[in-house]
Amino acid sequence: MQTCPFCGAPETDRVDLDGHRVLVFRCMFSPTVDPALSEEALARHLVTAYGEPGSEYFRRACDRLHLFVVQGEGARVITGRPAPPTP
C-alpha cells in the first residue's frame, strides 16, 4: 500500500489497464506506473517523479484547467457564451 507523495493520503485502488497500472489515492491523485515495480521501487518512483517536481506537476494541471475555464467548454458553461462556429 502506497501513500500520495503530495498529501499522504492512502492508496485506495489499483487498476491494471493496457500494460500499465493506475494507482488511485483517496485524494484522487491517480498516477500511471509500471506494474513490474516492486513496492519499494514504486515508493521511490512516486517520490522521484512527483515529490520534488510536484509543483511543476500541479502547475501544468492548473494551466490546463485555466485554459478549459477561460477558452474551452468550461468558459461557455460559466459565461453562457455560445460555442464558436465550426468552419
N, C-alpha and C. Protein backbone atom coordinates (compact mmCIF):
# COMPACT_ATOMS: atom_id res chain seq x y z
N MET A 1 0.85 -1.17 0.00
CA MET A 1 0.00 0.00 0.00
C MET A 1 0.89 1.24 0.00
N GLN A 2 0.63 2.15 -0.93
CA GLN A 2 1.41 3.38 -1.07
C GLN A 2 0.62 4.56 -0.49
N THR A 3 1.31 5.68 -0.36
CA THR A 3 0.65 6.92 0.06
C THR A 3 0.94 8.00 -0.97
N CYS A 4 0.03 8.95 -1.06
CA CYS A 4 0.17 10.05 -2.01
C CYS A 4 1.43 10.85 -1.69
N PRO A 5 2.28 11.12 -2.69
CA PRO A 5 3.50 11.88 -2.42
C PRO A 5 3.24 13.35 -2.11
N PHE A 6 2.03 13.83 -2.36
CA PHE A 6 1.69 15.23 -2.10
C PHE A 6 1.09 15.42 -0.72
N CYS A 7 0.09 14.60 -0.39
CA CYS A 7 -0.67 14.85 0.85
C CYS A 7 -0.63 13.69 1.83
N GLY A 8 -0.09 12.53 1.43
CA GLY A 8 -0.01 11.39 2.32
C GLY A 8 -1.28 10.55 2.39
N ALA A 9 -2.26 10.84 1.55
CA ALA A 9 -3.50 10.05 1.54
C ALA A 9 -3.19 8.61 1.15
N PRO A 10 -3.88 7.65 1.74
CA PRO A 10 -3.60 6.25 1.42
C PRO A 10 -4.11 5.86 0.03
N GLU A 11 -3.48 4.86 -0.51
CA GLU A 11 -3.91 4.27 -1.78
C GLU A 11 -5.23 3.54 -1.53
N THR A 12 -6.18 3.72 -2.43
CA THR A 12 -7.48 3.06 -2.28
C THR A 12 -7.73 1.98 -3.32
N ASP A 13 -7.01 2.04 -4.46
CA ASP A 13 -7.26 1.06 -5.51
C ASP A 13 -6.08 1.01 -6.46
N ARG A 14 -5.98 -0.10 -7.18
CA ARG A 14 -5.02 -0.27 -8.28
C ARG A 14 -5.79 -0.82 -9.46
N VAL A 15 -5.59 -0.20 -10.61
CA VAL A 15 -6.27 -0.64 -11.82
C VAL A 15 -5.22 -0.95 -12.87
N ASP A 16 -5.21 -2.19 -13.38
CA ASP A 16 -4.31 -2.58 -14.45
C ASP A 16 -5.04 -2.43 -15.78
N LEU A 17 -4.40 -1.69 -16.69
CA LEU A 17 -5.05 -1.39 -17.97
C LEU A 17 -4.00 -1.24 -19.05
N ASP A 18 -4.09 -2.03 -20.09
CA ASP A 18 -3.21 -1.93 -21.25
C ASP A 18 -1.72 -1.92 -20.88
N GLY A 19 -1.32 -2.79 -19.98
CA GLY A 19 0.07 -2.90 -19.61
C GLY A 19 0.56 -1.84 -18.64
N HIS A 20 -0.33 -1.03 -18.12
CA HIS A 20 0.02 0.00 -17.14
C HIS A 20 -0.80 -0.24 -15.88
N ARG A 21 -0.34 0.32 -14.81
CA ARG A 21 -1.08 0.25 -13.55
C ARG A 21 -1.38 1.68 -13.11
N VAL A 22 -2.61 1.92 -12.74
CA VAL A 22 -3.01 3.22 -12.22
C VAL A 22 -3.24 3.06 -10.73
N LEU A 23 -2.53 3.86 -9.95
CA LEU A 23 -2.75 3.88 -8.51
C LEU A 23 -3.77 4.97 -8.21
N VAL A 24 -4.75 4.67 -7.41
CA VAL A 24 -5.77 5.65 -7.04
C VAL A 24 -5.63 5.93 -5.55
N PHE A 25 -5.44 7.19 -5.22
CA PHE A 25 -5.33 7.59 -3.83
C PHE A 25 -6.63 8.24 -3.38
N ARG A 26 -6.87 8.27 -2.08
CA ARG A 26 -8.10 8.83 -1.53
C ARG A 26 -8.29 10.29 -1.95
N CYS A 27 -7.19 11.01 -2.16
CA CYS A 27 -7.27 12.41 -2.59
C CYS A 27 -7.59 12.55 -4.08
N MET A 28 -7.68 11.42 -4.78
CA MET A 28 -7.99 11.33 -6.22
C MET A 28 -6.78 11.52 -7.13
N PHE A 29 -5.59 11.69 -6.57
CA PHE A 29 -4.38 11.67 -7.39
C PHE A 29 -4.24 10.25 -7.91
N SER A 30 -4.06 10.09 -9.23
CA SER A 30 -4.05 8.76 -9.85
C SER A 30 -2.93 8.64 -10.89
N PRO A 31 -1.70 8.44 -10.44
CA PRO A 31 -0.59 8.32 -11.39
C PRO A 31 -0.58 6.96 -12.08
N THR A 32 -0.06 6.93 -13.30
CA THR A 32 0.15 5.69 -14.04
C THR A 32 1.58 5.24 -13.79
N VAL A 33 1.74 3.97 -13.42
CA VAL A 33 3.06 3.44 -13.08
C VAL A 33 3.30 2.12 -13.79
N ASP A 34 4.54 1.69 -13.78
CA ASP A 34 4.93 0.40 -14.36
C ASP A 34 4.49 -0.71 -13.41
N PRO A 35 3.68 -1.67 -13.87
CA PRO A 35 3.20 -2.73 -12.98
C PRO A 35 4.31 -3.67 -12.50
N ALA A 36 5.48 -3.63 -13.13
CA ALA A 36 6.58 -4.51 -12.74
C ALA A 36 7.35 -3.98 -11.53
N LEU A 37 7.09 -2.74 -11.12
CA LEU A 37 7.82 -2.18 -9.98
C LEU A 37 7.44 -2.87 -8.68
N SER A 38 8.44 -3.17 -7.86
CA SER A 38 8.18 -3.71 -6.53
C SER A 38 7.60 -2.59 -5.67
N GLU A 39 7.10 -2.93 -4.50
CA GLU A 39 6.54 -1.91 -3.61
C GLU A 39 7.60 -0.88 -3.23
N GLU A 40 8.82 -1.34 -2.96
CA GLU A 40 9.90 -0.43 -2.59
C GLU A 40 10.27 0.49 -3.76
N ALA A 41 10.38 -0.09 -4.95
CA ALA A 41 10.71 0.70 -6.14
C ALA A 41 9.58 1.66 -6.47
N LEU A 42 8.36 1.23 -6.24
CA LEU A 42 7.20 2.08 -6.50
C LEU A 42 7.21 3.30 -5.57
N ALA A 43 7.51 3.08 -4.30
CA ALA A 43 7.59 4.18 -3.34
C ALA A 43 8.66 5.19 -3.76
N ARG A 44 9.82 4.69 -4.20
CA ARG A 44 10.90 5.57 -4.67
C ARG A 44 10.46 6.33 -5.92
N HIS A 45 9.80 5.63 -6.83
CA HIS A 45 9.34 6.26 -8.08
C HIS A 45 8.36 7.41 -7.79
N LEU A 46 7.43 7.19 -6.90
CA LEU A 46 6.45 8.24 -6.58
C LEU A 46 7.12 9.49 -6.03
N VAL A 47 8.11 9.30 -5.17
CA VAL A 47 8.83 10.44 -4.60
C VAL A 47 9.67 11.11 -5.68
N THR A 48 10.36 10.31 -6.49
CA THR A 48 11.22 10.86 -7.54
C THR A 48 10.42 11.59 -8.61
N ALA A 49 9.34 10.97 -9.08
CA ALA A 49 8.57 11.54 -10.18
C ALA A 49 7.66 12.69 -9.74
N TYR A 50 7.15 12.64 -8.52
CA TYR A 50 6.16 13.63 -8.11
C TYR A 50 6.51 14.40 -6.86
N GLY A 51 7.43 13.89 -6.03
CA GLY A 51 7.75 14.56 -4.77
C GLY A 51 8.38 15.92 -4.97
N GLU A 52 9.59 15.95 -5.49
CA GLU A 52 10.27 17.23 -5.72
C GLU A 52 9.66 18.02 -6.87
N PRO A 53 9.39 17.38 -8.02
CA PRO A 53 8.81 18.16 -9.13
C PRO A 53 7.30 18.34 -8.99
N GLY A 54 6.77 18.12 -7.80
CA GLY A 54 5.32 18.22 -7.61
C GLY A 54 4.75 19.57 -8.00
N SER A 55 5.48 20.64 -7.70
CA SER A 55 4.95 21.96 -8.03
C SER A 55 4.81 22.11 -9.54
N GLU A 56 5.75 21.55 -10.30
CA GLU A 56 5.65 21.60 -11.77
C GLU A 56 4.47 20.77 -12.26
N TYR A 57 4.25 19.61 -11.65
CA TYR A 57 3.10 18.77 -12.00
C TYR A 57 1.81 19.55 -11.81
N PHE A 58 1.67 20.19 -10.65
CA PHE A 58 0.45 20.95 -10.38
C PHE A 58 0.36 22.19 -11.26
N ARG A 59 1.48 22.80 -11.59
CA ARG A 59 1.45 23.97 -12.47
C ARG A 59 0.89 23.59 -13.84
N ARG A 60 1.33 22.45 -14.37
CA ARG A 60 0.80 22.00 -15.68
C ARG A 60 -0.69 21.70 -15.57
N ALA A 61 -1.10 21.05 -14.48
CA ALA A 61 -2.52 20.73 -14.31
C ALA A 61 -3.33 22.01 -14.20
N CYS A 62 -2.83 22.99 -13.45
CA CYS A 62 -3.53 24.26 -13.30
C CYS A 62 -3.60 25.01 -14.62
N ASP A 63 -2.54 24.97 -15.41
CA ASP A 63 -2.54 25.63 -16.72
C ASP A 63 -3.62 25.03 -17.62
N ARG A 64 -3.74 23.70 -17.61
CA ARG A 64 -4.77 23.06 -18.45
C ARG A 64 -6.16 23.44 -17.97
N LEU A 65 -6.37 23.46 -16.66
CA LEU A 65 -7.67 23.84 -16.11
C LEU A 65 -7.98 25.29 -16.44
N HIS A 66 -6.99 26.16 -16.35
CA HIS A 66 -7.19 27.58 -16.67
C HIS A 66 -7.63 27.74 -18.12
N LEU A 67 -6.98 27.04 -19.05
CA LEU A 67 -7.38 27.13 -20.46
C LEU A 67 -8.80 26.62 -20.66
N PHE A 68 -9.17 25.54 -19.98
CA PHE A 68 -10.51 24.99 -20.09
C PHE A 68 -11.55 26.01 -19.63
N VAL A 69 -11.26 26.69 -18.54
CA VAL A 69 -12.22 27.64 -17.97
C VAL A 69 -12.25 28.94 -18.76
N VAL A 70 -11.09 29.38 -19.27
CA VAL A 70 -11.03 30.66 -19.96
C VAL A 70 -11.43 30.56 -21.43
N GLN A 71 -10.99 29.49 -22.10
CA GLN A 71 -11.20 29.41 -23.53
C GLN A 71 -12.00 28.18 -23.98
N GLY A 72 -12.15 27.21 -23.13
CA GLY A 72 -12.77 25.96 -23.55
C GLY A 72 -14.23 25.85 -23.16
N GLU A 73 -14.70 24.63 -23.10
CA GLU A 73 -16.08 24.34 -22.77
C GLU A 73 -16.47 24.92 -21.42
N GLY A 74 -15.54 24.91 -20.48
CA GLY A 74 -15.83 25.47 -19.16
C GLY A 74 -16.24 26.93 -19.23
N ALA A 75 -15.58 27.70 -20.09
CA ALA A 75 -15.90 29.12 -20.23
C ALA A 75 -17.31 29.30 -20.77
N ARG A 76 -17.70 28.46 -21.69
CA ARG A 76 -19.05 28.58 -22.26
C ARG A 76 -20.11 28.24 -21.22
N VAL A 77 -19.82 27.27 -20.37
CA VAL A 77 -20.78 26.91 -19.32
C VAL A 77 -20.89 28.03 -18.30
N ILE A 78 -19.75 28.57 -17.88
CA ILE A 78 -19.74 29.59 -16.83
C ILE A 78 -20.32 30.91 -17.33
N THR A 79 -19.97 31.33 -18.53
CA THR A 79 -20.39 32.65 -19.02
C THR A 79 -21.65 32.61 -19.86
N GLY A 80 -22.06 31.44 -20.28
CA GLY A 80 -23.24 31.34 -21.14
C GLY A 80 -22.97 31.71 -22.58
N ARG A 81 -21.68 31.89 -22.94
CA ARG A 81 -21.33 32.20 -24.33
C ARG A 81 -21.56 30.99 -25.21
N PRO A 82 -22.08 31.15 -26.39
CA PRO A 82 -22.24 30.01 -27.30
C PRO A 82 -20.88 29.54 -27.81
N ALA A 83 -20.83 28.33 -28.23
CA ALA A 83 -19.62 27.77 -28.81
C ALA A 83 -19.30 28.49 -30.10
N PRO A 84 -18.00 28.65 -30.41
CA PRO A 84 -17.65 29.31 -31.67
C PRO A 84 -18.13 28.48 -32.86
N PRO A 85 -18.51 29.14 -33.95
CA PRO A 85 -18.98 28.39 -35.12
C PRO A 85 -17.87 27.52 -35.69
N THR A 86 -18.25 26.36 -36.18
CA THR A 86 -17.27 25.49 -36.82
C THR A 86 -17.18 25.83 -38.30
N PRO A 87 -15.97 25.82 -38.85
CA PRO A 87 -15.80 26.19 -40.27
C PRO A 87 -16.40 25.17 -41.20
